[in-house]
PDB file of N, CA and C in Angstrom:
ATOM      1  N   MET A   1       0.848  -1.168   0.000  1.00  0.00           N
ATOM      2  CA  MET A   1       0.000   0.000   0.000  1.00  0.00           C
ATOM      3  C   MET A   1       0.898   1.237   0.000  1.00  0.00           C
ATOM      4  N   ALA A   2       0.663   2.135  -0.914  1.00  0.00           N
ATOM      5  CA  ALA A   2       1.497   3.320  -1.053  1.00  0.00           C
ATOM      6  C   ALA A   2       1.098   4.360  -0.017  1.00  0.00           C
ATOM      7  N   ALA A   3       2.111   5.030   0.550  1.00  0.00           N
ATOM      8  CA  ALA A   3       1.849   6.088   1.527  1.00  0.00           C
ATOM      9  C   ALA A   3       1.536   7.381   0.790  1.00  0.00           C
ATOM     10  N   ASN A   4       0.572   8.126   1.322  1.00  0.00           N
ATOM     11  CA  ASN A   4       0.202   9.409   0.724  1.00  0.00           C
ATOM     12  C   ASN A   4       1.177  10.476   1.188  1.00  0.00           C
ATOM     13  N   PRO A   5       1.513  11.409   0.284  1.00  0.00           N
ATOM     14  CA  PRO A   5       2.370  12.519   0.706  1.00  0.00           C
ATOM     15  C   PRO A   5       1.657  13.353   1.775  1.00  0.00           C
ATOM     16  N   PRO A   6       2.392  14.005   2.669  1.00  0.00           N
ATOM     17  CA  PRO A   6       1.770  14.766   3.766  1.00  0.00           C
ATOM     18  C   PRO A   6       0.783  15.827   3.286  1.00  0.00           C
ATOM     19  N   GLY A   7       1.023  16.477   2.208  1.00  0.00           N
ATOM     20  CA  GLY A   7       0.093  17.487   1.699  1.00  0.00           C
ATOM     21  C   GLY A   7      -1.220  16.880   1.243  1.00  0.00           C
ATOM     22  N   GLN A   8      -1.134  15.666   0.710  1.00  0.00           N
ATOM     23  CA  GLN A   8      -2.321  14.966   0.216  1.00  0.00           C
ATOM     24  C   GLN A   8      -3.240  14.584   1.384  1.00  0.00           C
ATOM     25  N   VAL A   9      -2.696  14.171   2.527  1.00  0.00           N
ATOM     26  CA  VAL A   9      -3.484  13.760   3.689  1.00  0.00           C
ATOM     27  C   VAL A   9      -4.287  14.936   4.216  1.00  0.00           C
ATOM     28  N   GLY A  10      -3.678  16.086   4.326  1.00  0.00           N
ATOM     29  CA  GLY A  10      -4.374  17.282   4.805  1.00  0.00           C
ATOM     30  C   GLY A  10      -5.515  17.654   3.867  1.00  0.00           C
ATOM     31  N   PHE A  11      -5.278  17.518   2.553  1.00  0.00           N
ATOM     32  CA  PHE A  11      -6.309  17.829   1.564  1.00  0.00           C
ATOM     33  C   PHE A  11      -7.489  16.871   1.707  1.00  0.00           C
ATOM     34  N   GLN A  12      -7.197  15.572   1.908  1.00  0.00           N
ATOM     35  CA  GLN A  12      -8.264  14.581   2.064  1.00  0.00           C
ATOM     36  C   GLN A  12      -9.091  14.863   3.317  1.00  0.00           C
ATOM     37  N   ASN A  13      -8.453  15.233   4.416  1.00  0.00           N
ATOM     38  CA  ASN A  13      -9.184  15.537   5.646  1.00  0.00           C
ATOM     39  C   ASN A  13     -10.087  16.748   5.468  1.00  0.00           C
ATOM     40  N   LYS A  14      -9.570  17.769   4.770  1.00  0.00           N
ATOM     41  CA  LYS A  14     -10.396  18.960   4.526  1.00  0.00           C
ATOM     42  C   LYS A  14     -11.566  18.607   3.617  1.00  0.00           C
ATOM     43  N   ASN A  15     -11.295  17.761   2.619  1.00  0.00           N
ATOM     44  CA  ASN A  15     -12.331  17.339   1.685  1.00  0.00           C
ATOM     45  C   ASN A  15     -13.422  16.554   2.425  1.00  0.00           C
ATOM     46  N   ARG A  16     -12.997  15.625   3.309  1.00  0.00           N
ATOM     47  CA  ARG A  16     -13.961  14.863   4.107  1.00  0.00           C
ATOM     48  C   ARG A  16     -14.818  15.776   4.976  1.00  0.00           C
ATOM     49  N   ALA A  17     -14.168  16.739   5.617  1.00  0.00           N
ATOM     50  CA  ALA A  17     -14.892  17.663   6.490  1.00  0.00           C
ATOM     51  C   ALA A  17     -15.906  18.471   5.680  1.00  0.00           C
ATOM     52  N   ALA A  18     -15.524  18.882   4.485  1.00  0.00           N
ATOM     53  CA  ALA A  18     -16.436  19.649   3.633  1.00  0.00           C
ATOM     54  C   ALA A  18     -17.617  18.782   3.199  1.00  0.00           C
ATOM     55  N   ILE A  19     -17.334  17.532   2.855  1.00  0.00           N
ATOM     56  CA  ILE A  19     -18.413  16.617   2.435  1.00  0.00           C
ATOM     57  C   ILE A  19     -19.367  16.358   3.601  1.00  0.00           C
ATOM     58  N   LEU A  20     -18.805  16.106   4.788  1.00  0.00           N
ATOM     59  CA  LEU A  20     -19.648  15.867   5.970  1.00  0.00           C
ATOM     60  C   LEU A  20     -20.490  17.096   6.315  1.00  0.00           C
ATOM     61  N   ALA A  21     -19.909  18.277   6.206  1.00  0.00           N
ATOM     62  CA  ALA A  21     -20.653  19.504   6.481  1.00  0.00           C
ATOM     63  C   ALA A  21     -21.792  19.671   5.472  1.00  0.00           C
ATOM     64  N   GLU A  22     -21.508  19.363   4.208  1.00  0.00           N
ATOM     65  CA  GLU A  22     -22.527  19.463   3.165  1.00  0.00           C
ATOM     66  C   GLU A  22     -23.654  18.459   3.408  1.00  0.00           C
ATOM     67  N   LEU A  23     -23.298  17.247   3.791  1.00  0.00           N
ATOM     68  CA  LEU A  23     -24.309  16.231   4.092  1.00  0.00           C
ATOM     69  C   LEU A  23     -25.174  16.640   5.286  1.00  0.00           C
ATOM     70  N   ASP A  24     -24.533  17.197   6.305  1.00  0.00           N
ATOM     71  CA  ASP A  24     -25.281  17.644   7.480  1.00  0.00           C
ATOM     72  C   ASP A  24     -26.244  18.770   7.111  1.00  0.00           C
ATOM     73  N   LYS A  25     -25.779  19.689   6.278  1.00  0.00           N
ATOM     74  CA  LYS A  25     -26.630  20.798   5.838  1.00  0.00           C
ATOM     75  C   LYS A  25     -27.828  20.276   5.036  1.00  0.00           C
ATOM     76  N   GLU A  26     -27.573  19.319   4.144  1.00  0.00           N
ATOM     77  CA  GLU A  26     -28.632  18.726   3.321  1.00  0.00           C
ATOM     78  C   GLU A  26     -29.636  17.970   4.193  1.00  0.00           C
ATOM     79  N   LYS A  27     -29.123  17.267   5.193  1.00  0.00           N
ATOM     80  CA  LYS A  27     -29.995  16.525   6.111  1.00  0.00           C
ATOM     81  C   LYS A  27     -30.927  17.483   6.854  1.00  0.00           C
ATOM     82  N   ARG A  28     -30.384  18.573   7.361  1.00  0.00           N
ATOM     83  CA  ARG A  28     -31.206  19.562   8.069  1.00  0.00           C
ATOM     84  C   ARG A  28     -32.251  20.169   7.141  1.00  0.00           C
ATOM     85  N   ARG A  29     -31.847  20.447   5.898  1.00  0.00           N
ATOM     86  CA  ARG A  29     -32.783  21.027   4.937  1.00  0.00           C
ATOM     87  C   ARG A  29     -33.927  20.056   4.644  1.00  0.00           C
ATOM     88  N   LEU A  30     -33.611  18.770   4.480  1.00  0.00           N
ATOM     89  CA  LEU A  30     -34.651  17.775   4.216  1.00  0.00           C
ATOM     90  C   LEU A  30     -35.602  17.613   5.398  1.00  0.00           C
ATOM     91  N   ILE A  31     -35.053  17.598   6.599  1.00  0.00           N
ATOM     92  CA  ILE A  31     -35.903  17.480   7.793  1.00  0.00           C
ATOM     93  C   ILE A  31     -36.806  18.689   7.914  1.00  0.00           C
ATOM     94  N   GLN A  32     -36.264  19.857   7.645  1.00  0.00           N
ATOM     95  CA  GLN A  32     -37.056  21.077   7.741  1.00  0.00           C
ATOM     96  C   GLN A  32     -38.143  21.108   6.664  1.00  0.00           C
ATOM     97  N   SER A  33     -37.823  20.698   5.446  1.00  0.00           N
ATOM     98  CA  SER A  33     -38.832  20.711   4.381  1.00  0.00           C
ATOM     99  C   SER A  33     -39.886  19.643   4.639  1.00  0.00           C
ATOM    100  N   GLN A  34     -39.509  18.530   5.237  1.00  0.00           N
ATOM    101  CA  GLN A  34     -40.484  17.490   5.561  1.00  0.00           C
ATOM    102  C   GLN A  34     -41.452  17.988   6.621  1.00  0.00           C
ATOM    103  N   SER A  35     -40.955  18.703   7.617  1.00  0.00           N
ATOM    104  CA  SER A  35     -41.847  19.212   8.652  1.00  0.00           C
ATOM    105  C   SER A  35     -42.750  20.314   8.106  1.00  0.00           C
ATOM    106  N   MET A  36     -42.295  21.031   7.073  1.00  0.00           N
ATOM    107  CA  MET A  36     -43.132  22.063   6.449  1.00  0.00           C
ATOM    108  C   MET A  36     -44.235  21.417   5.610  1.00  0.00           C
ATOM    109  N   ASN A  37     -43.909  20.291   4.930  1.00  0.00           N
ATOM    110  CA  ASN A  37     -44.891  19.605   4.094  1.00  0.00           C
ATOM    111  C   ASN A  37     -45.895  18.813   4.919  1.00  0.00           C
ATOM    112  N   ASN A  38     -45.471  18.298   6.051  1.00  0.00           N
ATOM    113  CA  ASN A  38     -46.334  17.514   6.938  1.00  0.00           C
ATOM    114  C   ASN A  38     -46.364  18.178   8.305  1.00  0.00           C
ATOM    115  N   PRO A  39     -47.223  19.194   8.487  1.00  0.00           N
ATOM    116  CA  PRO A  39     -47.203  19.912   9.753  1.00  0.00           C
ATOM    117  C   PRO A  39     -47.505  19.014  10.952  1.00  0.00           C
ATOM    118  N   GLY A  40     -48.265  17.957  10.758  1.00  0.00           N
ATOM    119  CA  GLY A  40     -48.594  17.073  11.868  1.00  0.00           C
ATOM    120  C   GLY A  40     -47.484  16.101  12.200  1.00  0.00           C
ATOM    121  N   ALA A  41     -46.439  16.075  11.379  1.00  0.00           N
ATOM    122  CA  ALA A  41     -45.369  15.111  11.600  1.00  0.00           C
ATOM    123  C   ALA A  41     -44.613  15.377  12.889  1.00  0.00           C
ATOM    124  N   SER A  42     -44.559  16.638  13.310  1.00  0.00           N
ATOM    125  CA  SER A  42     -43.829  16.944  14.530  1.00  0.00           C
ATOM    126  C   SER A  42     -44.680  16.758  15.775  1.00  0.00           C
ATOM    127  N   ILE A  43     -45.975  16.517  15.591  1.00  0.00           N
ATOM    128  CA  ILE A  43     -46.858  16.308  16.730  1.00  0.00           C
ATOM    129  C   ILE A  43     -46.685  14.875  17.202  1.00  0.00           C
ATOM    130  N   PRO A  44     -46.454  14.660  18.487  1.00  0.00           N
ATOM    131  CA  PRO A  44     -46.303  13.295  18.959  1.00  0.00           C
ATOM    132  C   PRO A  44     -47.581  12.499  18.752  1.00  0.00           C
ATOM    133  N   LEU A  45     -47.437  11.223  18.403  1.00  0.00           N
ATOM    134  CA  LEU A  45     -48.600  10.400  18.125  1.00  0.00           C
ATOM    135  C   LEU A  45     -49.294   9.930  19.392  1.00  0.00           C
ATOM    136  N   SER A  46     -48.601   9.885  20.492  1.00  0.00           N
ATOM    137  CA  SER A  46     -49.235   9.422  21.724  1.00  0.00           C
ATOM    138  C   SER A  46     -50.029  10.558  22.351  1.00  0.00           C
ATOM    139  N   ARG A  47     -51.215  10.198  22.828  1.00  0.00           N
ATOM    140  CA  ARG A  47     -52.061  11.187  23.484  1.00  0.00           C
ATOM    141  C   ARG A  47     -51.851  11.084  24.983  1.00  0.00           C
ATOM    142  N   PRO A  48     -52.140  12.147  25.692  1.00  0.00           N
ATOM    143  CA  PRO A  48     -52.057  12.043  27.137  1.00  0.00           C
ATOM    144  C   PRO A  48     -53.052  11.000  27.627  1.00  0.00           C
ATOM    145  N   ALA A  49     -52.723  10.389  28.726  1.00  0.00           N
ATOM    146  CA  ALA A  49     -53.581   9.330  29.260  1.00  0.00           C
ATOM    147  C   ALA A  49     -54.950   9.898  29.617  1.00  0.00           C
ATOM    148  N   VAL A  50     -55.980   9.235  29.109  1.00  0.00           N
ATOM    149  CA  VAL A  50     -57.350   9.627  29.415  1.00  0.00           C
ATOM    150  C   VAL A  50     -57.722   8.934  30.702  1.00  0.00           C
ATOM    151  N   ASN A  51     -58.629   9.525  31.430  1.00  0.00           N
ATOM    152  CA  ASN A  51     -59.058   8.934  32.681  1.00  0.00           C
ATOM    153  C   ASN A  51     -59.504   7.493  32.428  1.00  0.00           C
ATOM    154  N   LYS A  52     -58.809   6.534  33.029  1.00  0.00           N
ATOM    155  CA  LYS A  52     -59.053   5.115  32.762  1.00  0.00           C
ATOM    156  C   LYS A  52     -60.463   4.711  33.167  1.00  0.00           C
ATOM    157  N   GLU A  53     -60.959   5.212  34.248  1.00  0.00           N
ATOM    158  CA  GLU A  53     -62.309   4.857  34.693  1.00  0.00           C
ATOM    159  C   GLU A  53     -63.350   5.311  33.666  1.00  0.00           C
ATOM    160  N   PHE A  54     -63.177   6.506  33.133  1.00  0.00           N
ATOM    161  CA  PHE A  54     -64.114   7.013  32.136  1.00  0.00           C
ATOM    162  C   PHE A  54     -64.092   6.150  30.889  1.00  0.00           C
ATOM    163  N   ARG A  55     -62.891   5.768  30.450  1.00  0.00           N
ATOM    164  CA  ARG A  55     -62.750   4.932  29.259  1.00  0.00           C
ATOM    165  C   ARG A  55     -63.370   3.557  29.495  1.00  0.00           C
ATOM    166  N   ASP A  56     -63.121   2.966  30.670  1.00  0.00           N
ATOM    167  CA  ASP A  56     -63.698   1.658  30.986  1.00  0.00           C
ATOM    168  C   ASP A  56     -65.221   1.723  31.042  1.00  0.00           C
ATOM    169  N   GLN A  57     -65.750   2.793  31.611  1.00  0.00           N
ATOM    170  CA  GLN A  57     -67.204   2.946  31.699  1.00  0.00           C
ATOM    171  C   GLN A  57     -67.821   3.088  30.311  1.00  0.00           C
ATOM    172  N   ALA A  58     -67.202   3.863  29.450  1.00  0.00           N
ATOM    173  CA  ALA A  58     -67.703   4.039  28.086  1.00  0.00           C
ATOM    174  C   ALA A  58     -67.644   2.720  27.322  1.00  0.00           C
ATOM    175  N   GLU A  59     -66.574   1.957  27.538  1.00  0.00           N
ATOM    176  CA  GLU A  59     -66.442   0.664  26.865  1.00  0.00           C
ATOM    177  C   GLU A  59     -67.523  -0.303  27.353  1.00  0.00           C
ATOM    178  N   GLN A  60     -67.784  -0.307  28.648  1.00  0.00           N
ATOM    179  CA  GLN A  60     -68.820  -1.186  29.199  1.00  0.00           C
ATOM    180  C   GLN A  60     -70.201  -0.809  28.656  1.00  0.00           C
ATOM    181  N   GLN A  61     -70.483   0.483  28.535  1.00  0.00           N
ATOM    182  CA  GLN A  61     -71.768   0.920  27.984  1.00  0.00           C
ATOM    183  C   GLN A  61     -71.892   0.493  26.527  1.00  0.00           C
ATOM    184  N   HIS A  62     -70.812   0.579  25.780  1.00  0.00           N
ATOM    185  CA  HIS A  62     -70.826   0.182  24.372  1.00  0.00           C
ATOM    186  C   HIS A  62     -71.078  -1.318  24.246  1.00  0.00           C
ATOM    187  N   ILE A  63     -70.416  -2.109  25.080  1.00  0.00           N
ATOM    188  CA  ILE A  63     -70.609  -3.562  25.050  1.00  0.00           C
ATOM    189  C   ILE A  63     -72.034  -3.908  25.447  1.00  0.00           C
ATOM    190  N   ALA A  64     -72.559  -3.228  26.473  1.00  0.00           N
ATOM    191  CA  ALA A  64     -73.930  -3.495  26.908  1.00  0.00           C
ATOM    192  C   ALA A  64     -74.919  -3.189  25.787  1.00  0.00           C
ATOM    193  N   ALA A  65     -74.703  -2.108  25.061  1.00  0.00           N
ATOM    194  CA  ALA A  65     -75.592  -1.762  23.946  1.00  0.00           C
ATOM    195  C   ALA A  65     -75.498  -2.810  22.843  1.00  0.00           C
ATOM    196  N   GLN A  66     -74.306  -3.297  22.570  1.00  0.00           N
ATOM    197  CA  GLN A  66     -74.133  -4.342  21.554  1.00  0.00           C
ATOM    198  C   GLN A  66     -74.813  -5.634  21.992  1.00  0.00           C
ATOM    199  N   GLN A  67     -74.663  -5.974  23.276  1.00  0.00           N
ATOM    200  CA  GLN A  67     -75.304  -7.191  23.784  1.00  0.00           C
ATOM    201  C   GLN A  67     -76.817  -7.089  23.676  1.00  0.00           C
ATOM    202  N   LYS A  68     -77.359  -5.943  24.033  1.00  0.00           N
ATOM    203  CA  LYS A  68     -78.809  -5.752  23.979  1.00  0.00           C
ATOM    204  C   LYS A  68     -79.309  -5.881  22.541  1.00  0.00           C
ATOM    205  N   ALA A  69     -78.603  -5.268  21.600  1.00  0.00           N
ATOM    206  CA  ALA A  69     -79.010  -5.343  20.200  1.00  0.00           C
ATOM    207  C   ALA A  69     -78.921  -6.779  19.686  1.00  0.00           C
ATOM    208  N   ALA A  70     -77.855  -7.492  20.046  1.00  0.00           N
ATOM    209  CA  ALA A  70     -77.701  -8.871  19.605  1.00  0.00           C
ATOM    210  C   ALA A  70     -78.777  -9.761  20.208  1.00  0.00           C
ATOM    211  N   LEU A  71     -79.109  -9.528  21.466  1.00  0.00           N
ATOM    212  CA  LEU A  71     -80.139 -10.319  22.139  1.00  0.00           C
ATOM    213  C   LEU A  71     -81.502 -10.078  21.505  1.00  0.00           C
ATOM    214  N   GLN A  72     -81.827  -8.825  21.227  1.00  0.00           N
ATOM    215  CA  GLN A  72     -83.111  -8.506  20.588  1.00  0.00           C
ATOM    216  C   GLN A  72     -83.182  -9.138  19.196  1.00  0.00           C
ATOM    217  N   HIS A  73     -82.115  -9.073  18.449  1.00  0.00           N
ATOM    218  CA  HIS A  73     -82.089  -9.658  17.112  1.00  0.00           C
ATOM    219  C   HIS A  73     -82.266 -11.172  17.184  1.00  0.00           C
ATOM    220  N   ALA A  74     -81.580 -11.806  18.121  1.00  0.00           N
ATOM    221  CA  ALA A  74     -81.675 -13.258  18.258  1.00  0.00           C
ATOM    222  C   ALA A  74     -83.087 -13.687  18.653  1.00  0.00           C
ATOM    223  N   HIS A  75     -83.702 -12.959  19.576  1.00  0.00           N
ATOM    224  CA  HIS A  75     -85.064 -13.301  20.007  1.00  0.00           C
ATOM    225  C   HIS A  75     -86.060 -13.103  18.866  1.00  0.00           C
ATOM    226  N   ALA A  76     -85.827 -12.078  18.039  1.00  0.00           N
ATOM    227  CA  ALA A  76     -86.760 -11.796  16.947  1.00  0.00           C
ATOM    228  C   ALA A  76     -86.627 -12.801  15.801  1.00  0.00           C
ATOM    229  N   HIS A  77     -85.427 -13.327  15.566  1.00  0.00           N
ATOM    230  CA  HIS A  77     -85.200 -14.171  14.393  1.00  0.00           C
ATOM    231  C   HIS A  77     -84.921 -15.636  14.719  1.00  0.00           C
ATOM    232  N   SER A  78     -85.101 -16.030  15.953  1.00  0.00           N
ATOM    233  CA  SER A  78     -84.801 -17.413  16.327  1.00  0.00           C
ATOM    234  C   SER A  78     -85.825 -17.900  17.343  1.00  0.00           C
ATOM    235  N   SER A  79     -86.040 -19.203  17.343  1.00  0.00           N
ATOM    236  CA  SER A  79     -86.980 -19.761  18.315  1.00  0.00           C
ATOM    237  C   SER A  79     -86.252 -20.230  19.571  1.00  0.00           C
ATOM    238  N   GLY A  80     -84.932 -20.062  19.624  1.00  0.00           N
ATOM    239  CA  GLY A  80     -84.160 -20.502  20.779  1.00  0.00           C
ATOM    240  C   GLY A  80     -84.138 -19.460  21.878  1.00  0.00           C
ATOM    241  N   PHE A  81     -83.430 -19.793  22.964  1.00  0.00           N
ATOM    242  CA  PHE A  81     -83.268 -18.887  24.092  1.00  0.00           C
ATOM    243  C   PHE A  81     -81.810 -18.467  24.180  1.00  0.00           C
ATOM    244  N   PHE A  82     -81.594 -17.211  24.524  1.00  0.00           N
ATOM    245  CA  PHE A  82     -80.240 -16.675  24.587  1.00  0.00           C
ATOM    246  C   PHE A  82     -80.084 -15.833  25.845  1.00  0.00           C
ATOM    247  N   ILE A  83     -78.862 -15.766  26.338  1.00  0.00           N
ATOM    248  CA  ILE A  83     -78.558 -14.901  27.480  1.00  0.00           C
ATOM    249  C   ILE A  83     -77.308 -14.082  27.151  1.00  0.00           C
ATOM    250  N   THR A  84     -77.160 -12.970  27.847  1.00  0.00           N
ATOM    251  CA  THR A  84     -75.932 -12.180  27.724  1.00  0.00           C
ATOM    252  C   THR A  84     -74.995 -12.643  28.822  1.00  0.00           C
ATOM    253  N   GLN A  85     -73.770 -12.914  28.451  1.00  0.00           N
ATOM    254  CA  GLN A  85     -72.775 -13.368  29.411  1.00  0.00           C
ATOM    255  C   GLN A  85     -71.402 -13.169  28.792  1.00  0.00           C
ATOM    256  N   ASP A  86     -70.425 -12.827  29.629  1.00  0.00           N
ATOM    257  CA  ASP A  86     -69.057 -12.694  29.130  1.00  0.00           C
ATOM    258  C   ASP A  86     -68.590 -14.040  28.617  1.00  0.00           C
ATOM    259  N   SER A  87     -67.978 -14.028  27.457  1.00  0.00           N
ATOM    260  CA  SER A  87     -67.508 -15.256  26.833  1.00  0.00           C
ATOM    261  C   SER A  87     -66.001 -15.175  26.623  1.00  0.00           C
ATOM    262  N   SER A  88     -65.346 -16.284  26.790  1.00  0.00           N
ATOM    263  CA  SER A  88     -63.901 -16.339  26.543  1.00  0.00           C
ATOM    264  C   SER A  88     -63.581 -16.143  25.075  1.00  0.00           C
ATOM    265  N   PHE A  89     -64.561 -16.332  24.218  1.00  0.00           N
ATOM    266  CA  PHE A  89     -64.351 -16.254  22.781  1.00  0.00           C
ATOM    267  C   PHE A  89     -64.908 -14.973  22.168  1.00  0.00           C
ATOM    268  N   GLY A  90     -65.360 -14.032  22.985  1.00  0.00           N
ATOM    269  CA  GLY A  90     -65.832 -12.748  22.482  1.00  0.00           C
ATOM    270  C   GLY A  90     -67.276 -12.742  22.023  1.00  0.00           C
ATOM    271  N   ASN A  91     -68.032 -13.782  22.341  1.00  0.00           N
ATOM    272  CA  ASN A  91     -69.452 -13.813  21.962  1.00  0.00           C
ATOM    273  C   ASN A  91     -70.236 -12.871  22.864  1.00  0.00           C
ATOM    274  N   LEU A  92     -71.155 -12.120  22.268  1.00  0.00           N
ATOM    275  CA  LEU A  92     -71.960 -11.194  23.057  1.00  0.00           C
ATOM    276  C   LEU A  92     -73.118 -11.892  23.752  1.00  0.00           C
ATOM    277  N   ILE A  93     -73.684 -12.897  23.095  1.00  0.00           N
ATOM    278  CA  ILE A  93     -74.781 -13.661  23.683  1.00  0.00           C
ATOM    279  C   ILE A  93     -74.475 -15.143  23.534  1.00  0.00           C
ATOM    280  N   LEU A  94     -75.061 -15.933  24.401  1.00  0.00           N
ATOM    281  CA  LEU A  94     -74.849 -17.374  24.366  1.00  0.00           C
ATOM    282  C   LEU A  94     -76.193 -18.077  24.291  1.00  0.00           C
ATOM    283  N   PRO A  95     -76.301 -19.136  23.511  1.00  0.00           N
ATOM    284  CA  PRO A  95     -77.556 -19.882  23.475  1.00  0.00           C
ATOM    285  C   PRO A  95     -77.721 -20.692  24.762  1.00  0.00           C
ATOM    286  N   VAL A  96     -78.954 -20.825  25.172  1.00  0.00           N
ATOM    287  CA  VAL A  96     -79.259 -21.587  26.380  1.00  0.00           C
ATOM    288  C   VAL A  96     -80.000 -22.843  25.963  1.00  0.00           C
ATOM    289  N   LEU A  97     -79.485 -23.986  26.391  1.00  0.00           N
ATOM    290  CA  LEU A  97     -80.135 -25.250  26.111  1.00  0.00           C
ATOM    291  C   LEU A  97     -80.814 -25.717  27.398  1.00  0.00           C
ATOM    292  N   PRO A  98     -82.100 -25.954  27.333  1.00  0.00           N
ATOM    293  CA  PRO A  98     -82.792 -26.381  28.549  1.00  0.00           C
ATOM    294  C   PRO A  98     -82.351 -27.770  28.975  1.00  0.00           C
ATOM    295  N   ARG A  99     -82.313 -27.982  30.279  1.00  0.00           N
ATOM    296  CA  ARG A  99     -81.995 -29.298  30.804  1.00  0.00           C
ATOM    297  C   ARG A  99     -83.291 -30.077  30.983  1.00  0.00           C
ATOM    298  N   LEU A 100     -83.298 -31.248  30.456  1.00  0.00           N
ATOM    299  CA  LEU A 100     -84.478 -32.092  30.573  1.00  0.00           C
ATOM    300  C   LEU A 100     -84.173 -33.205  31.580  1.00  0.00           C
ATOM    301  N   ASP A 101     -85.127 -33.453  32.429  1.00  0.00           N
ATOM    302  CA  ASP A 101     -84.946 -34.526  33.400  1.00  0.00           C
ATOM    303  C   ASP A 101     -85.038 -35.862  32.665  1.00  0.00           C
ATOM    304  N   PRO A 102     -84.084 -36.754  32.968  1.00  0.00           N
ATOM    305  CA  PRO A 102     -84.165 -38.068  32.317  1.00  0.00           C
ATOM    306  C   PRO A 102     -85.403 -38.826  32.815  1.00  0.00           C
ATOM    307  N   GLU A 103     -86.076 -39.451  31.930  1.00  0.00           N
ATOM    308  CA  GLU A 103     -87.319 -40.148  32.322  1.00  0.00           C
ATOM    309  C   GLU A 103     -87.111 -41.608  32.465  1.00  0.00           C
TER     310      GLU A 103
END
């Protein structure tokens, strides 16, 4: 490997510094133009925490309304019996099978 003359090394270092400065300037310009084109880009996507109790209550009311609608629909369009109950599988209503005494 050939050694570079001392003057050449200084020139390469200055050239590298100039290239790095130019790249940094270009990077800043691109970031600035991106934020100008997308004003919402600088807004954080996470929202402040909403009161958990309020959110849970609203969710429970929504589920209750869905259960009521599903139960009314099932009663209107089926001859079976259904109940509302929490299900491990996400079902809003469950069919009820009557127990018959063995004769």
